[in-house]
Amino acid sequence: MACDDLTVAHDRVGQLRVTDNGCARARTLFALPALPAHCFIRGRAVPLDAALDAAAALLRNAAFPAVGGLAADTEGVSAALALAERLGAVVDHAASESLFHGLRALQVTGAMTATFGEVRNRADLFVLFGTEFDRHAPRLFDRIIHPPKALFRDAGAVRGFLIGPGDGLAPEGFERLTANLIHAPAIAAALSQLVAGETPHGNRVGGIAMADLARVATALREARFGVVGWVAATLDPAAGDVAVEAFNRLVVTVNAATRCAGLSLGGKGNALGANYVCAWQYGVPLRSRLGAGPPEHDPLRYRLKSLLAEDGIDALLWLSALNGAEVPDTRTPMVVLARPGQPLPHDPEVLIPVAVPGLDHAGSIHRGDGVAALPLRRLRFHKFSGKSSAATLPTAAAVLNALLDRLPATPLPVLIRETAHV
């Protein structure tokens, strides 16, 4: 959610600490220590220039490379895509699975959405699919559903329904309807019928009694501003786009009687921002191949997770300057640009630590509602060996630009290779 209301303090040794408005995730990540870090080639510490030379050689000799992870600020993502263009590489984000649920559904149904601010100030009913909002959007309730103040509604009078697995206590004003999210498309379709005045077949849908769904449909029709929300990462991986299509159709159906908006939550590691950068620079979304002629987009053929599982690429650059892009456990030769302390499944061919946006340097990321690029400030200075100095870690953009300088100025020749459709 890219919360912009945190209060962050420095202690005596320069360590950061969230003192107000932070969730558990913010408190943990802002408190990451500023560690001195070394570059490595196959586990052996080396100077930065040696690591850059080794990384450039690995990428230069690849026939079918990929640039993945892409968890970075706008400048870092832009530099990563420029490198991919030079290499003729596939580009994909670590969190693209949930991102593409929404993109594929958007192509089929369109979408009616709202900003966080509009929802916070106007919505009086929430129908939320899923039960892991506290993990994926920890401050959804205190910032948007039950904010201290709202401009056009009573902030404390919101009601809602949680539809998904689990049987614990529901938040204040909410009712829980237990269901398996694999049935989310059928549940949303039945709600659309009920809102439109039709009668679905059967007495239950996805384990929920039709009478209970009828109450949800009535609430949606009678609300001044309803919201249908979901966490894309918790949907069925094989049919998440079908679920989002059903949510979008439900929103459109409700809008025939009153105001309603869709609200998709998720997108770790600036996934939405990375997709925006790719779209505005190359005219295509992620899961594309750049530099091998016109940009080629194919969300199935260029799904990086599938390519890695099938040994479909022969070199991988993985960018993980932000949280949310765990390094994959793959046999593919790999260059890793990661924040210090990033867990690694094994020693990659080349490891180059990079600074964290919003901690070690300024930058920008995109908020989850897609309408704002939020500025990040530099909040800390590293203190190594008891001396305060400017941050010694390079930014991801600086490392990627240094790699570009070590590659031929024209795009590398591309070996045409067939890859299986998934």
Protein backbone atom coordinates (compact mmCIF):
# COMPACT_ATOMS: atom_id res chain seq x y z
CA MET A 1 0.00 0.00 0.00
CA ALA A 2 3.08 2.25 0.15
CA CYS A 3 1.91 3.93 3.36
CA ASP A 4 3.09 7.54 3.48
CA ASP A 5 2.22 8.38 7.09
CA LEU A 6 5.02 6.57 8.94
CA THR A 7 7.14 8.22 11.59
CA VAL A 8 10.71 6.92 11.47
CA ALA A 9 13.40 7.71 14.02
CA HIS A 10 17.17 7.23 14.15
CA ASP A 11 18.93 5.79 17.17
CA ARG A 12 22.46 6.65 18.28
CA VAL A 13 24.17 4.31 15.83
CA GLY A 14 22.05 5.34 12.84
CA GLN A 15 19.65 2.42 13.03
CA LEU A 16 16.09 3.20 11.84
CA ARG A 17 12.96 2.48 13.85
CA VAL A 18 9.30 3.02 12.95
CA THR A 19 7.75 4.79 15.93
CA ASP A 20 4.24 5.53 14.66
CA ASN A 21 1.68 4.18 12.18
CA GLY A 22 3.76 1.23 11.02
CA CYS A 23 2.62 -2.36 10.55
CA ALA A 24 4.75 -5.39 11.42
CA ARG A 25 6.17 -5.48 7.89
CA ALA A 26 7.23 -1.83 8.02
CA ARG A 27 8.78 -2.19 11.47
CA THR A 28 10.79 -5.22 10.34
CA LEU A 29 12.03 -3.84 7.03
CA PHE A 30 12.88 -0.33 8.18
CA ALA A 31 14.91 -1.90 10.99
CA LEU A 32 17.15 -3.86 8.60
CA PRO A 33 20.73 -3.10 9.63
CA ALA A 34 23.06 -1.21 7.33
CA LEU A 35 25.63 -3.94 6.77
CA PRO A 36 28.99 -3.66 5.06
CA ALA A 37 28.75 -5.90 2.03
CA HIS A 38 31.14 -7.47 -0.44
CA CYS A 39 30.73 -8.64 -4.01
CA PHE A 40 31.20 -12.33 -4.68
CA ILE A 41 32.06 -14.56 -7.60
CA ARG A 42 30.91 -18.13 -6.80
CA GLY A 43 31.21 -17.39 -3.09
CA ARG A 44 34.62 -15.70 -3.26
CA ALA A 45 34.81 -12.04 -2.20
CA VAL A 46 36.01 -9.73 -4.98
CA PRO A 47 36.09 -5.98 -5.73
CA LEU A 48 33.10 -4.42 -7.45
CA ASP A 49 34.90 -3.99 -10.80
CA ALA A 50 35.81 -7.68 -10.89
CA ALA A 51 32.21 -8.66 -10.15
CA LEU A 52 30.96 -6.34 -12.89
CA ASP A 53 33.42 -7.80 -15.40
CA ALA A 54 32.36 -11.35 -14.54
CA ALA A 55 28.66 -10.48 -14.72
CA ALA A 56 29.08 -8.75 -18.09
CA ALA A 57 30.97 -11.75 -19.50
CA LEU A 58 28.27 -14.17 -18.35
CA LEU A 59 25.48 -12.07 -19.85
CA ARG A 60 27.39 -11.27 -23.04
CA ASN A 61 27.85 -14.97 -23.83
CA ALA A 62 24.22 -15.96 -23.17
CA ALA A 63 22.08 -17.03 -26.11
CA PHE A 64 18.73 -16.64 -24.35
CA PRO A 65 19.04 -14.49 -21.19
CA ALA A 66 16.38 -13.12 -18.84
CA VAL A 67 16.15 -10.14 -16.49
CA GLY A 68 13.87 -10.95 -13.57
CA GLY A 69 12.96 -10.00 -10.03
CA LEU A 70 12.71 -6.29 -10.93
CA ALA A 71 12.02 -5.36 -7.29
CA ALA A 72 13.47 -1.86 -7.38
CA ASP A 73 12.56 1.79 -7.64
CA THR A 74 11.56 3.38 -10.95
CA GLU A 75 15.13 4.27 -11.94
CA GLY A 76 16.40 0.79 -11.13
CA VAL A 77 13.65 -0.88 -13.17
CA SER A 78 14.28 1.47 -16.10
CA ALA A 79 17.99 0.60 -16.09
CA ALA A 80 17.19 -3.13 -15.87
CA LEU A 81 14.92 -2.89 -18.92
CA ALA A 82 17.61 -0.99 -20.86
CA LEU A 83 20.03 -3.83 -20.06
CA ALA A 84 17.46 -6.39 -21.19
CA GLU A 85 17.03 -4.52 -24.47
CA ARG A 86 20.79 -4.59 -25.04
CA LEU A 87 20.86 -8.34 -24.32
CA GLY A 88 17.70 -9.31 -26.20
CA ALA A 89 16.37 -10.67 -22.92
CA VAL A 90 13.03 -11.74 -21.47
CA VAL A 91 11.74 -9.48 -18.66
CA ASP A 92 9.42 -10.52 -15.84
CA HIS A 93 8.73 -9.51 -12.24
CA ALA A 94 8.89 -11.86 -9.27
CA ALA A 95 5.26 -11.05 -8.40
CA SER A 96 3.90 -11.14 -11.93
CA GLU A 97 1.66 -14.16 -11.29
CA SER A 98 -0.88 -12.08 -9.37
CA LEU A 99 -0.22 -9.03 -11.56
CA PHE A 100 -1.22 -10.94 -14.69
CA HIS A 101 -4.44 -12.25 -13.14
CA GLY A 102 -5.62 -8.66 -13.27
CA LEU A 103 -4.11 -7.80 -16.67
CA ARG A 104 -5.68 -10.77 -18.44
CA ALA A 105 -9.04 -10.03 -16.85
CA LEU A 106 -8.76 -6.36 -17.83
CA GLN A 107 -8.33 -7.39 -21.47
CA VAL A 108 -11.54 -9.44 -21.33
CA THR A 109 -13.92 -7.43 -19.15
CA GLY A 110 -12.40 -4.02 -18.53
CA ALA A 111 -12.43 -2.78 -14.94
CA MET A 112 -14.12 -0.12 -12.80
CA THR A 113 -11.75 0.83 -9.99
CA ALA A 114 -11.17 3.63 -7.49
CA THR A 115 -8.24 5.23 -5.71
CA PHE A 116 -7.40 4.52 -2.09
CA GLY A 117 -8.51 8.05 -1.26
CA GLU A 118 -11.89 7.71 -2.96
CA VAL A 119 -12.56 4.39 -1.21
CA ARG A 120 -11.45 5.74 2.18
CA ASN A 121 -13.63 8.82 1.96
CA ARG A 122 -16.78 7.45 0.29
CA ALA A 123 -17.20 3.66 0.59
CA ASP A 124 -19.79 2.38 3.07
CA LEU A 125 -19.75 -1.34 2.15
CA PHE A 126 -16.88 -3.75 1.50
CA VAL A 127 -17.20 -7.26 0.04
CA LEU A 128 -13.72 -8.77 0.40
CA PHE A 129 -12.70 -12.09 -1.14
CA GLY A 130 -9.97 -13.72 0.97
CA THR A 131 -8.86 -13.81 4.58
CA GLU A 132 -5.19 -12.84 4.35
CA PHE A 133 -5.64 -9.09 4.12
CA ASP A 134 -3.71 -8.69 7.38
CA ARG A 135 -0.68 -10.29 5.73
CA HIS A 136 -0.86 -8.79 2.23
CA ALA A 137 -2.28 -5.36 3.12
CA PRO A 138 -1.76 -5.06 6.88
CA ARG A 139 -3.13 -1.51 7.17
CA LEU A 140 -6.17 -1.89 4.93
CA PHE A 141 -8.58 -1.63 7.84
CA ASP A 142 -7.00 1.21 9.82
CA ARG A 143 -6.15 3.35 6.77
CA ILE A 144 -9.05 2.73 4.38
CA ILE A 145 -11.94 0.81 5.92
CA HIS A 146 -11.93 2.33 9.43
CA PRO A 147 -9.84 5.52 9.09
CA PRO A 148 -9.83 8.13 11.87
CA LYS A 149 -11.66 10.54 9.55
CA ALA A 150 -13.55 10.34 6.26
CA LEU A 151 -14.78 13.25 4.17
CA PHE A 152 -18.12 11.99 2.85
CA ARG A 153 -19.18 9.18 5.18
CA ASP A 154 -19.25 8.15 8.81
CA ALA A 155 -15.84 6.52 9.27
CA GLY A 156 -17.19 4.19 11.93
CA ALA A 157 -20.35 3.05 10.17
CA VAL A 158 -18.83 0.84 7.47
CA ARG A 159 -20.12 -2.70 7.13
CA GLY A 160 -18.85 -5.59 5.08
CA PHE A 161 -18.47 -9.26 4.30
CA LEU A 162 -15.36 -11.46 4.27
CA ILE A 163 -15.73 -14.31 1.76
CA GLY A 164 -13.07 -16.99 1.99
CA PRO A 165 -11.49 -19.69 4.14
CA GLY A 166 -11.21 -19.34 7.92
CA ASP A 167 -13.48 -19.27 10.91
CA GLY A 168 -11.93 -16.68 13.22
CA LEU A 169 -13.51 -13.50 14.47
CA ALA A 170 -14.35 -11.01 11.73
CA PRO A 171 -13.31 -7.35 12.07
CA GLU A 172 -15.80 -4.89 13.54
CA GLY A 173 -18.84 -4.44 11.30
CA PHE A 174 -17.94 -7.43 9.10
CA GLU A 175 -19.57 -10.83 8.67
CA ARG A 176 -17.58 -13.88 7.63
CA LEU A 177 -18.93 -16.25 4.95
CA THR A 178 -16.68 -19.31 4.85
CA ALA A 179 -15.79 -20.60 1.39
CA ASN A 180 -12.92 -22.05 -0.60
CA LEU A 181 -11.51 -19.38 -2.89
CA ILE A 182 -11.29 -21.90 -5.72
CA HIS A 183 -15.04 -21.24 -5.98
CA ALA A 184 -14.63 -17.43 -6.08
CA PRO A 185 -15.67 -17.15 -9.79
CA ALA A 186 -18.91 -19.05 -9.13
CA ILE A 187 -19.67 -17.04 -5.98
CA ALA A 188 -19.12 -13.72 -7.77
CA ALA A 189 -21.22 -14.88 -10.73
CA ALA A 190 -24.09 -15.86 -8.41
CA LEU A 191 -23.88 -12.46 -6.72
CA SER A 192 -24.11 -10.79 -10.13
CA GLN A 193 -27.28 -12.74 -10.88
CA LEU A 194 -28.80 -11.86 -7.52
CA VAL A 195 -27.95 -8.18 -7.89
CA ALA A 196 -29.60 -8.21 -11.33
CA GLY A 197 -32.76 -9.74 -9.88
CA GLU A 198 -32.19 -13.23 -11.27
CA THR A 199 -32.34 -16.51 -9.33
CA PRO A 200 -29.25 -18.75 -9.53
CA HIS A 201 -29.67 -22.51 -9.57
CA GLY A 202 -29.16 -24.47 -6.34
CA ASN A 203 -29.28 -23.70 -2.66
CA ARG A 204 -25.54 -23.18 -2.13
CA VAL A 205 -22.58 -21.83 -4.09
CA GLY A 206 -19.03 -22.60 -3.04
CA GLY A 207 -20.28 -23.74 0.36
CA ILE A 208 -22.26 -20.54 1.04
CA ALA A 209 -26.03 -20.70 1.41
CA MET A 210 -27.88 -18.84 -1.33
CA ALA A 211 -29.84 -16.95 1.32
CA ASP A 212 -26.58 -15.54 2.71
CA LEU A 213 -25.43 -14.49 -0.77
CA ALA A 214 -28.81 -12.83 -1.27
CA ARG A 215 -28.09 -10.67 1.80
CA VAL A 216 -24.74 -9.65 0.29
CA ALA A 217 -26.42 -8.80 -3.01
CA THR A 218 -29.05 -6.68 -1.24
CA ALA A 219 -26.32 -4.84 0.68
CA LEU A 220 -24.48 -4.11 -2.59
CA ARG A 221 -27.65 -2.73 -4.21
CA GLU A 222 -28.50 -0.57 -1.21
CA ALA A 223 -24.99 0.79 -0.53
CA ARG A 224 -24.16 4.37 -1.52
CA PHE A 225 -20.64 3.26 -2.53
CA GLY A 226 -19.75 -0.43 -2.47
CA VAL A 227 -16.32 -1.98 -2.91
CA VAL A 228 -15.49 -5.49 -4.14
CA GLY A 229 -11.92 -6.25 -3.05
CA TRP A 230 -9.49 -9.14 -3.34
CA VAL A 231 -5.85 -10.12 -2.85
CA ALA A 232 -4.73 -11.49 -6.22
CA ALA A 233 -1.91 -13.53 -4.66
CA THR A 234 -4.41 -15.66 -2.71
CA LEU A 235 -6.53 -16.62 -5.73
CA ASP A 236 -6.30 -20.00 -7.46
CA PRO A 237 -3.08 -19.78 -9.53
CA ALA A 238 -4.64 -21.71 -12.39
CA ALA A 239 -7.80 -19.60 -12.61
CA GLY A 240 -7.05 -16.31 -10.91
CA ASP A 241 -7.83 -14.36 -14.06
CA VAL A 242 -11.24 -16.05 -14.27
CA ALA A 243 -11.95 -14.98 -10.67
CA VAL A 244 -10.95 -11.37 -11.39
CA GLU A 245 -13.14 -11.38 -14.51
CA ALA A 246 -16.07 -12.44 -12.31
CA PHE A 247 -15.27 -9.69 -9.76
CA ASN A 248 -15.13 -7.11 -12.56
CA ARG A 249 -18.49 -8.26 -13.95
CA LEU A 250 -20.01 -8.08 -10.46
CA VAL A 251 -18.83 -4.49 -10.09
CA VAL A 252 -20.31 -3.54 -13.48
CA THR A 253 -23.62 -5.19 -12.56
CA VAL A 254 -23.86 -3.33 -9.24
CA ASN A 255 -23.17 -0.02 -11.00
CA ALA A 256 -26.49 -0.33 -12.81
CA ALA A 257 -28.17 0.45 -9.46
CA THR A 258 -25.56 2.37 -7.41
CA ARG A 259 -21.85 3.18 -7.19
CA CYS A 260 -19.39 0.29 -6.85
CA ALA A 261 -15.66 -0.13 -7.48
CA GLY A 262 -13.14 -2.95 -7.64
CA LEU A 263 -10.11 -2.91 -5.38
CA SER A 264 -7.21 -5.28 -6.11
CA LEU A 265 -4.57 -5.48 -3.37
CA GLY A 266 -1.05 -6.82 -3.65
CA GLY A 267 1.94 -6.21 -5.88
CA LYS A 268 5.05 -6.77 -3.75
CA GLY A 269 8.37 -5.30 -4.79
CA ASN A 270 6.90 -2.44 -6.85
CA ALA A 271 5.40 -4.95 -9.32
CA LEU A 272 2.84 -2.47 -10.61
CA GLY A 273 5.52 0.19 -11.03
CA ALA A 274 7.77 -2.20 -12.95
CA ASN A 275 4.92 -3.03 -15.32
CA TYR A 276 4.19 0.67 -15.83
CA VAL A 277 7.83 1.41 -16.66
CA CYS A 278 7.88 -1.41 -19.21
CA ALA A 279 4.62 -0.22 -20.76
CA TRP A 280 5.56 3.43 -21.10
CA GLN A 281 9.10 2.72 -22.39
CA TYR A 282 8.35 -0.19 -24.75
CA GLY A 283 4.60 -0.19 -25.33
CA VAL A 284 4.15 -3.72 -23.92
CA PRO A 285 3.69 -5.15 -20.42
CA LEU A 286 6.17 -7.41 -18.66
CA ARG A 287 6.58 -11.02 -19.78
CA SER A 288 8.06 -9.69 -22.98
CA ARG A 289 11.29 -10.06 -24.88
CA LEU A 290 13.13 -6.84 -25.61
CA GLY A 291 15.83 -6.05 -28.14
CA ALA A 292 15.19 -8.98 -30.52
CA GLY A 293 13.42 -6.76 -33.03
CA PRO A 294 10.17 -5.07 -31.97
CA PRO A 295 9.23 -5.80 -28.33
CA GLU A 296 7.45 -9.17 -28.25
CA HIS A 297 4.85 -9.73 -25.53
CA ASP A 298 3.60 -13.23 -24.74
CA PRO A 299 2.39 -13.79 -21.14
CA LEU A 300 2.62 -17.58 -21.44
CA ARG A 301 5.77 -18.05 -23.50
CA TYR A 302 7.72 -15.47 -21.49
CA ARG A 303 6.55 -16.46 -18.02
CA LEU A 304 9.92 -16.57 -16.27
CA LYS A 305 8.89 -19.17 -13.69
CA SER A 306 8.10 -21.61 -16.49
CA LEU A 307 11.27 -20.82 -18.41
CA LEU A 308 13.38 -21.52 -15.32
CA ALA A 309 11.58 -24.80 -14.63
CA GLU A 310 12.18 -25.94 -18.22
CA ASP A 311 15.81 -24.71 -18.42
CA GLY A 312 14.56 -22.45 -21.20
CA ILE A 313 17.09 -19.67 -20.53
CA ASP A 314 20.84 -19.86 -20.13
CA ALA A 315 21.57 -16.77 -18.00
CA LEU A 316 19.54 -14.80 -15.48
CA LEU A 317 20.04 -11.38 -13.95
CA TRP A 318 17.92 -11.12 -10.80
CA LEU A 319 17.19 -7.70 -9.25
CA SER A 320 16.01 -7.63 -5.63
CA ALA A 321 16.68 -4.21 -4.10
CA LEU A 322 13.25 -4.20 -2.41
CA ASN A 323 11.38 -6.77 -0.39
CA GLY A 324 9.23 -9.20 -2.36
CA ALA A 325 11.60 -10.84 -4.86
CA GLU A 326 13.04 -13.96 -3.25
CA VAL A 327 15.97 -15.29 -5.28
CA PRO A 328 14.87 -18.42 -7.20
CA ASP A 329 16.49 -21.78 -6.57
CA THR A 330 17.63 -22.55 -10.11
CA ARG A 331 20.52 -24.22 -11.90
CA THR A 332 20.56 -21.38 -14.44
CA PRO A 333 23.75 -19.29 -14.19
CA MET A 334 22.73 -16.20 -12.29
CA VAL A 335 23.86 -12.65 -11.57
CA VAL A 336 22.13 -11.39 -8.42
CA LEU A 337 21.78 -7.73 -7.48
CA ALA A 338 20.26 -7.77 -4.00
CA ARG A 339 20.03 -5.82 -0.78
CA PRO A 340 22.45 -6.99 1.93
CA GLY A 341 21.04 -9.86 3.94
CA GLN A 342 18.84 -11.13 1.11
CA PRO A 343 18.46 -14.92 1.62
CA LEU A 344 20.10 -16.95 -1.15
CA PRO A 345 19.34 -20.61 -2.00
CA HIS A 346 23.00 -21.06 -3.03
CA ASP A 347 25.97 -18.98 -4.12
CA PRO A 348 25.21 -17.45 -7.54
CA GLU A 349 27.88 -16.99 -10.20
CA VAL A 350 28.00 -13.28 -9.30
CA LEU A 351 26.50 -11.46 -6.31
CA ILE A 352 26.54 -7.66 -6.14
CA PRO A 353 24.89 -6.01 -3.10
CA VAL A 354 22.90 -2.86 -3.86
CA ALA A 355 21.38 -0.08 -1.80
CA VAL A 356 17.75 -0.17 -0.65
CA PRO A 357 15.46 2.52 -2.14
CA GLY A 358 13.86 4.60 0.59
CA LEU A 359 16.57 3.66 3.09
CA ASP A 360 19.93 4.20 1.41
CA HIS A 361 18.92 6.43 -1.50
CA ALA A 362 16.01 8.43 -2.90
CA GLY A 363 13.70 7.19 -5.64
CA SER A 364 10.04 6.45 -6.33
CA ILE A 365 7.65 3.50 -6.35
CA HIS A 366 4.03 3.09 -7.43
CA ARG A 367 1.20 2.72 -4.95
CA GLY A 368 -1.05 -0.33 -5.18
CA ASP A 369 -4.06 1.55 -6.58
CA GLY A 370 -1.99 2.55 -9.61
CA VAL A 371 -2.59 6.29 -9.53
CA ALA A 372 0.42 7.71 -7.71
CA ALA A 373 4.18 7.40 -7.94
CA LEU A 374 5.32 8.10 -4.40
CA PRO A 375 8.72 9.68 -3.72
CA LEU A 376 11.15 7.84 -1.45
CA ARG A 377 13.69 9.73 0.60
CA ARG A 378 17.08 8.62 1.78
CA LEU A 379 16.70 7.96 5.49
CA ARG A 380 20.00 6.57 6.68
CA PHE A 381 23.73 6.87 6.31
CA HIS A 382 25.90 3.83 6.78
CA LYS A 383 28.26 3.80 9.76
CA PHE A 384 30.99 1.29 9.11
CA SER A 385 34.08 1.01 11.34
CA GLY A 386 32.62 3.65 13.64
CA LYS A 387 32.76 6.36 10.97
CA SER A 388 29.78 8.04 9.40
CA SER A 389 29.97 8.32 5.64
CA ALA A 390 27.85 8.43 2.54
CA ALA A 391 26.30 5.08 1.71
CA THR A 392 28.98 2.79 0.30
CA LEU A 393 26.56 0.54 -1.55
CA PRO A 394 25.80 1.46 -5.17
CA THR A 395 22.23 1.86 -6.33
CA ALA A 396 20.75 -0.82 -8.58
CA ALA A 397 20.59 1.70 -11.42
CA ALA A 398 24.30 2.51 -11.03
CA VAL A 399 25.29 -1.17 -11.16
CA LEU A 400 23.05 -1.86 -14.17
CA ASN A 401 24.42 1.17 -16.04
CA ALA A 402 27.96 -0.03 -15.30
CA LEU A 403 27.03 -3.40 -16.81
CA LEU A 404 25.65 -1.62 -19.87
CA ASP A 405 28.99 0.15 -20.29
CA ARG A 406 30.71 -3.25 -20.41
CA LEU A 407 28.48 -4.60 -23.20
CA PRO A 408 28.61 -3.82 -26.93
CA ALA A 409 26.88 -0.57 -27.83
CA THR A 410 24.53 -2.33 -30.26
CA PRO A 411 22.12 -5.08 -29.27
CA LEU A 412 23.79 -8.47 -29.05
CA PRO A 413 23.00 -11.02 -31.78
CA VAL A 414 20.02 -13.09 -30.78
CA LEU A 415 19.82 -16.83 -31.27
CA ILE A 416 16.23 -17.69 -32.21
CA ARG A 417 15.14 -20.49 -29.93
CA GLU A 418 11.75 -22.14 -29.68
CA THR A 419 10.24 -22.15 -26.19
CA ALA A 420 7.25 -24.22 -25.21
CA HIS A 421 3.92 -22.60 -24.49
CA VAL A 422 2.64 -23.35 -21.00
